[in-house]
Amino acid sequence: MSLKLSDDGGSRKIPIDMTPMIDVVFQLMIFFMLTLKIKADEGDFNINMPITAPAPTATQDIIVPPIKVRLIANPDGSLASLQLGRRNLGTGERAFAMLNSEVLNIIGRPGNPITKDIEVELDADYELRYQDIVQAISACTGRVDPATKQVVRYVEKIKFASPRAPKSGGG
């Protein structure tokens, strides 16, 4: 291939080298061939299924309300009260242990299929120490099995209630 130019009334041919263009085309072709992923056809349902009556639905959706945990703080930021629903569990390590056992009682057993739908809502006072919030999250999500040293999950979904404005004054 060549290009004709007229220069002062005369024409002159300028050769165009096609080798680099052909190289680029082959490189692109090799690139696309190497990155091509061939997938099996989807939706091929050539299966002869037996015709039967529909099975009665024995399993019904179990609606479990969210577990509400309330953490009330003292003016100094320490935990004043830990509540599960409307029940006061107290303070300290004993309260978090009770929270853990109560959550286990609610879900039934670890690994229960309904635990994927159960949600824990934490409502903590603005002044509460971060350490108490983390302990509450740990108590709700599960425990470490003392025999196997494996983590046993109770609940996977934890959400926080809308933050409340800090208390003004001393209470």
Protein backbone atom coordinates (compact mmCIF):
# COMPACT_ATOMS: atom_id res chain seq x y z
CA MET A 1 0.00 0.00 0.00
CA SER A 2 1.28 3.44 -0.78
CA LEU A 3 0.13 7.01 -0.58
CA LYS A 4 0.33 9.41 -3.52
CA LEU A 5 1.25 13.01 -2.89
CA SER A 6 1.41 15.76 -5.42
CA ASP A 7 4.41 17.95 -4.84
CA ASP A 8 4.98 20.82 -7.26
CA GLY A 9 2.94 19.24 -9.97
CA GLY A 10 4.54 15.83 -9.64
CA SER A 11 3.39 12.81 -7.75
CA ARG A 12 5.48 10.67 -5.54
CA LYS A 13 4.56 7.43 -3.78
CA ILE A 14 5.20 7.08 -0.07
CA PRO A 15 5.17 3.44 1.08
CA ILE A 16 3.23 2.70 4.30
CA ASP A 17 4.61 -0.17 6.34
CA MET A 18 1.74 -2.49 7.36
CA THR A 19 3.86 -4.74 9.59
CA PRO A 20 3.24 -2.86 12.89
CA MET A 21 -0.52 -2.75 12.25
CA ILE A 22 -0.62 -6.48 11.53
CA ASP A 23 1.42 -7.14 14.69
CA VAL A 24 -1.06 -5.16 16.80
CA VAL A 25 -4.01 -7.00 15.27
CA PHE A 26 -2.41 -10.38 16.01
CA GLN A 27 -1.55 -9.31 19.58
CA LEU A 28 -5.14 -8.24 20.17
CA MET A 29 -6.41 -11.49 18.70
CA ILE A 30 -4.11 -13.54 20.96
CA PHE A 31 -5.13 -11.45 24.00
CA PHE A 32 -8.83 -12.02 23.36
CA MET A 33 -8.29 -15.73 22.74
CA LEU A 34 -6.40 -16.13 26.02
CA THR A 35 -8.94 -14.18 28.09
CA LEU A 36 -12.01 -15.85 26.60
CA LYS A 37 -13.93 -17.90 29.12
CA ILE A 38 -16.14 -20.52 27.60
CA LYS A 39 -19.20 -21.23 29.73
CA ALA A 40 -21.67 -24.05 29.49
CA ASP A 41 -25.09 -23.17 28.16
CA GLU A 42 -27.38 -21.98 30.91
CA GLY A 43 -31.02 -22.89 31.05
CA ASP A 44 -30.81 -26.26 29.29
CA PHE A 45 -33.62 -28.05 31.09
CA ASN A 46 -34.06 -31.18 29.02
CA ILE A 47 -35.04 -33.24 32.05
CA ASN A 48 -38.07 -35.51 32.27
CA MET A 49 -39.47 -34.98 35.74
CA PRO A 50 -42.17 -37.25 37.19
CA ILE A 51 -45.56 -35.62 37.55
CA THR A 52 -46.74 -35.67 41.16
CA ALA A 53 -49.07 -33.76 43.39
CA PRO A 54 -47.50 -30.76 45.09
CA ALA A 55 -46.16 -31.55 48.54
CA PRO A 56 -47.91 -29.83 51.44
CA THR A 57 -45.87 -26.99 52.85
CA ALA A 58 -45.01 -28.08 56.35
CA THR A 59 -42.48 -25.38 56.97
CA GLN A 60 -43.81 -21.90 57.43
CA ASP A 61 -41.79 -18.77 57.76
CA ILE A 62 -41.04 -18.08 61.39
CA ILE A 63 -41.05 -14.38 62.10
CA VAL A 64 -38.74 -13.54 64.94
CA PRO A 65 -38.82 -9.98 66.24
CA PRO A 66 -35.46 -8.28 66.75
CA ILE A 67 -33.79 -8.77 70.11
CA LYS A 68 -33.56 -5.37 71.80
CA VAL A 69 -30.66 -4.74 74.16
CA ARG A 70 -30.54 -1.45 76.08
CA LEU A 71 -27.33 -0.19 77.70
CA ILE A 72 -27.85 2.62 80.22
CA ALA A 73 -24.86 4.67 81.35
CA ASN A 74 -24.03 6.46 84.58
CA PRO A 75 -22.92 10.10 84.31
CA ASP A 76 -19.27 8.94 84.52
CA GLY A 77 -19.72 6.62 81.48
CA SER A 78 -19.83 3.33 83.38
CA LEU A 79 -22.64 0.83 82.82
CA ALA A 80 -25.64 1.52 85.06
CA SER A 81 -27.96 -1.12 83.65
CA LEU A 82 -28.08 -3.79 80.94
CA GLN A 83 -31.57 -4.63 79.73
CA LEU A 84 -32.84 -7.32 77.39
CA GLY A 85 -36.25 -6.25 76.21
CA ARG A 86 -37.83 -4.87 79.39
CA ARG A 87 -35.92 -7.18 81.70
CA ASN A 88 -33.03 -5.75 83.73
CA LEU A 89 -29.98 -8.04 83.74
CA GLY A 90 -27.88 -5.88 86.07
CA THR A 91 -24.28 -4.79 85.57
CA GLY A 92 -20.82 -6.32 85.32
CA GLU A 93 -19.60 -9.60 83.89
CA ARG A 94 -22.59 -11.49 85.32
CA ALA A 95 -24.99 -9.31 83.29
CA PHE A 96 -23.12 -9.99 80.05
CA ALA A 97 -23.06 -13.74 80.82
CA MET A 98 -26.83 -13.62 81.41
CA LEU A 99 -27.28 -11.72 78.14
CA ASN A 100 -25.33 -14.44 76.33
CA SER A 101 -27.45 -17.24 77.82
CA GLU A 102 -30.72 -15.36 77.15
CA VAL A 103 -29.81 -14.84 73.49
CA LEU A 104 -29.03 -18.56 73.27
CA ASN A 105 -32.45 -19.32 74.81
CA ILE A 106 -34.14 -17.11 72.23
CA ILE A 107 -32.45 -18.69 69.19
CA GLY A 108 -32.82 -22.25 70.49
CA ARG A 109 -29.51 -23.74 69.46
CA PRO A 110 -26.42 -22.48 67.64
CA GLY A 111 -26.52 -23.15 63.93
CA ASN A 112 -30.32 -22.94 63.85
CA PRO A 113 -31.40 -21.79 60.36
CA ILE A 114 -33.49 -18.96 61.79
CA THR A 115 -30.37 -17.31 63.23
CA LYS A 116 -29.65 -15.82 59.81
CA ASP A 117 -32.86 -13.79 60.13
CA ILE A 118 -32.53 -12.83 63.79
CA GLU A 119 -31.30 -9.33 64.40
CA VAL A 120 -30.05 -7.75 67.63
CA GLU A 121 -30.66 -4.04 68.11
CA LEU A 122 -28.31 -2.31 70.55
CA ASP A 123 -29.52 0.92 72.11
CA ALA A 124 -26.65 2.45 74.07
CA ASP A 125 -26.49 5.78 75.87
CA TYR A 126 -24.23 8.36 74.30
CA GLU A 127 -21.94 8.57 77.35
CA LEU A 128 -21.39 4.80 77.69
CA ARG A 129 -17.84 3.48 77.50
CA TYR A 130 -16.93 1.74 74.29
CA GLN A 131 -15.72 -1.32 76.22
CA ASP A 132 -19.26 -2.06 77.47
CA ILE A 133 -20.69 -1.81 73.96
CA VAL A 134 -18.09 -4.27 72.66
CA GLN A 135 -18.89 -6.68 75.52
CA ALA A 136 -22.59 -6.49 74.65
CA ILE A 137 -21.86 -7.21 70.98
CA SER A 138 -19.66 -10.15 71.98
CA ALA A 139 -22.33 -11.52 74.32
CA CYS A 140 -24.99 -11.34 71.59
CA THR A 141 -22.98 -12.81 68.72
CA GLY A 142 -21.84 -15.98 70.45
CA ARG A 143 -19.23 -17.55 72.66
CA VAL A 144 -16.08 -19.66 72.58
CA ASP A 145 -16.76 -23.34 73.27
CA PRO A 146 -14.50 -24.29 76.20
CA ALA A 147 -14.09 -27.89 75.00
CA THR A 148 -13.18 -27.27 71.35
CA LYS A 149 -11.93 -23.67 71.64
CA GLN A 150 -14.02 -22.88 68.55
CA VAL A 151 -16.24 -19.83 68.15
CA VAL A 152 -19.94 -20.70 68.34
CA ARG A 153 -22.07 -18.09 66.52
CA TYR A 154 -25.54 -17.21 67.77
CA VAL A 155 -26.47 -14.12 65.78
CA GLU A 156 -24.82 -12.48 62.78
CA LYS A 157 -26.87 -9.30 62.40
CA ILE A 158 -26.22 -6.53 64.90
CA LYS A 159 -27.61 -3.05 64.41
CA PHE A 160 -27.53 0.08 66.49
CA ALA A 161 -30.55 2.16 67.41
CA SER A 162 -30.60 5.79 66.37
CA PRO A 163 -28.22 7.79 68.54
CA ARG A 164 -29.72 9.85 71.31
CA ALA A 165 -28.54 13.29 72.23
CA PRO A 166 -26.22 13.36 75.24
CA LYS A 167 -27.87 14.13 78.55
CA SER A 168 -27.35 17.69 79.66
CA GLY A 169 -26.46 18.37 83.23
CA GLY A 170 -25.99 15.54 85.69
CA GLY A 171 -28.97 13.41 84.74
